[in-house]
Amino acid sequence: MPASASADAVEPEVLEAAVPRVEKANRPKRQPRYHVVLWNDEDHSYAYVIAMLQKLFGHPSGAGLKLAKEVDTRGRVVVLTTTKEHAELKRDQIHAFGADRLIARSKGSMSATIEPEPA
């Protein structure tokens, strides 16, 4: 370094060389994503679906109502897209949520499956 240059000055080439660059080939691959699909039935009320989505997924009541309407009209709705292990956990939590106390014929939880997110 020339005598006239400040001791604090660092040449740009030195800074760039000090920061390692991550090559695309060295980046970890993203885990495949899976949808948690809730299936419609006639044994659960909108109130049940909304409460379940709030408790298990943290969906606000407005989003829960929208998803409840979609499962009712289309027969199925994707409630979450995540990693396979997390999707399996959420599917199992839906299956363990229990019967709808507002409907006498409701004997158990709603049905849910997981499926790979299309590429």
Protein backbone atom coordinates (compact mmCIF):
# COMPACT_ATOMS: atom_id res chain seq x y z
CA MET A 1 0.00 0.00 0.00
CA PRO A 2 1.44 3.44 -0.86
CA ALA A 3 2.50 5.55 2.09
CA SER A 4 -0.05 8.22 1.20
CA ALA A 5 -3.01 5.81 1.38
CA SER A 6 -4.97 5.55 4.59
CA ALA A 7 -4.55 2.39 6.66
CA ASP A 8 -8.36 2.02 6.72
CA ALA A 9 -8.73 2.03 2.94
CA VAL A 10 -9.33 -1.37 1.39
CA GLU A 11 -9.18 -2.00 -2.30
CA PRO A 12 -12.47 -3.29 -3.84
CA GLU A 13 -10.73 -6.36 -5.28
CA VAL A 14 -9.75 -7.45 -1.79
CA LEU A 15 -13.33 -7.18 -0.49
CA GLU A 16 -14.77 -9.17 -3.37
CA ALA A 17 -12.19 -11.90 -2.96
CA ALA A 18 -12.92 -12.20 0.78
CA VAL A 19 -16.64 -12.96 0.26
CA PRO A 20 -17.15 -16.56 -0.86
CA ARG A 21 -19.56 -17.01 -3.72
CA VAL A 22 -22.10 -19.82 -3.54
CA GLU A 23 -22.32 -21.59 -6.83
CA LYS A 24 -25.75 -22.82 -7.96
CA ALA A 25 -24.47 -26.39 -8.04
CA ASN A 26 -23.45 -26.13 -4.37
CA ARG A 27 -26.78 -24.79 -3.10
CA PRO A 28 -28.94 -27.28 -1.23
CA LYS A 29 -31.93 -28.46 -3.22
CA ARG A 30 -35.33 -27.29 -2.05
CA GLN A 31 -37.46 -30.08 -0.59
CA PRO A 32 -40.43 -31.13 -2.71
CA ARG A 33 -43.65 -29.39 -1.67
CA TYR A 34 -46.92 -31.13 -0.82
CA HIS A 35 -50.52 -29.94 -0.63
CA VAL A 36 -52.70 -30.77 2.36
CA VAL A 37 -56.12 -31.41 0.80
CA LEU A 38 -59.31 -31.24 2.88
CA TRP A 39 -62.22 -33.28 1.50
CA ASN A 40 -65.89 -32.35 1.78
CA ASP A 41 -68.53 -34.36 3.59
CA GLU A 42 -72.00 -33.68 4.89
CA ASP A 43 -71.15 -34.45 8.53
CA HIS A 44 -69.34 -31.21 9.43
CA SER A 45 -70.61 -27.64 9.69
CA TYR A 46 -68.99 -24.46 8.42
CA ALA A 47 -68.37 -23.49 12.05
CA TYR A 48 -66.44 -26.74 12.59
CA VAL A 49 -64.30 -26.24 9.47
CA ILE A 50 -63.54 -22.62 10.33
CA ALA A 51 -62.62 -23.49 13.95
CA MET A 52 -60.43 -26.40 12.82
CA LEU A 53 -58.59 -24.26 10.26
CA GLN A 54 -58.03 -21.54 12.87
CA LYS A 55 -56.70 -23.95 15.48
CA LEU A 56 -54.56 -26.20 13.27
CA PHE A 57 -53.36 -23.75 10.61
CA GLY A 58 -53.76 -20.31 12.16
CA HIS A 59 -56.10 -19.17 9.39
CA PRO A 60 -58.18 -16.12 10.37
CA SER A 61 -61.94 -16.63 10.36
CA GLY A 62 -62.37 -14.86 7.00
CA ALA A 63 -59.88 -17.17 5.31
CA GLY A 64 -61.46 -20.13 7.10
CA LEU A 65 -64.88 -19.18 5.75
CA LYS A 66 -63.50 -18.85 2.22
CA LEU A 67 -61.86 -22.31 2.45
CA ALA A 68 -65.03 -23.82 3.99
CA LYS A 69 -67.10 -22.49 1.09
CA GLU A 70 -64.60 -23.84 -1.43
CA VAL A 71 -64.53 -27.34 0.08
CA ASP A 72 -68.35 -27.30 0.17
CA THR A 73 -68.76 -26.25 -3.46
CA ARG A 74 -65.77 -28.00 -5.11
CA GLY A 75 -65.52 -31.06 -2.89
CA ARG A 76 -61.91 -30.38 -1.90
CA VAL A 77 -59.61 -27.52 -0.99
CA VAL A 78 -55.88 -27.12 -0.47
CA VAL A 79 -55.42 -25.73 3.04
CA LEU A 80 -51.59 -25.69 3.13
CA THR A 81 -48.58 -26.34 0.91
CA THR A 82 -45.43 -27.36 2.75
CA THR A 83 -42.78 -30.07 3.09
CA LYS A 84 -43.88 -33.70 3.06
CA GLU A 85 -43.24 -34.27 6.77
CA HIS A 86 -45.14 -31.14 7.78
CA ALA A 87 -48.00 -32.02 5.39
CA GLU A 88 -48.24 -35.49 6.95
CA LEU A 89 -48.39 -33.94 10.41
CA LYS A 90 -51.17 -31.51 9.42
CA ARG A 91 -53.15 -34.30 7.69
CA ASP A 92 -52.90 -36.39 10.86
CA GLN A 93 -54.01 -33.42 12.99
CA ILE A 94 -57.10 -33.01 10.79
CA HIS A 95 -57.87 -36.73 11.22
CA ALA A 96 -57.52 -36.38 15.00
CA PHE A 97 -59.61 -33.22 15.36
CA GLY A 98 -62.76 -35.13 16.31
CA ALA A 99 -66.43 -35.03 15.52
CA ASP A 100 -68.56 -31.93 14.93
CA ARG A 101 -70.63 -31.44 18.09
CA LEU A 102 -73.15 -29.33 16.16
CA ILE A 103 -74.18 -32.25 13.92
CA ALA A 104 -75.52 -35.38 15.64
CA ARG A 105 -74.59 -37.75 12.80
CA SER A 106 -70.96 -36.58 12.85
CA LYS A 107 -68.97 -39.54 14.17
CA GLY A 108 -65.42 -38.40 13.51
CA SER A 109 -63.07 -35.96 11.89
CA MET A 110 -62.99 -34.73 8.33
CA SER A 111 -60.88 -36.49 5.73
CA ALA A 112 -57.63 -35.08 4.40
CA THR A 113 -54.89 -36.30 2.11
CA ILE A 114 -51.55 -35.03 0.91
CA GLU A 115 -50.40 -34.83 -2.70
CA PRO A 116 -47.26 -33.56 -4.40
CA GLU A 117 -47.39 -29.99 -5.65
CA PRO A 118 -47.33 -30.04 -9.45
CA ALA A 119 -43.98 -28.97 -10.87
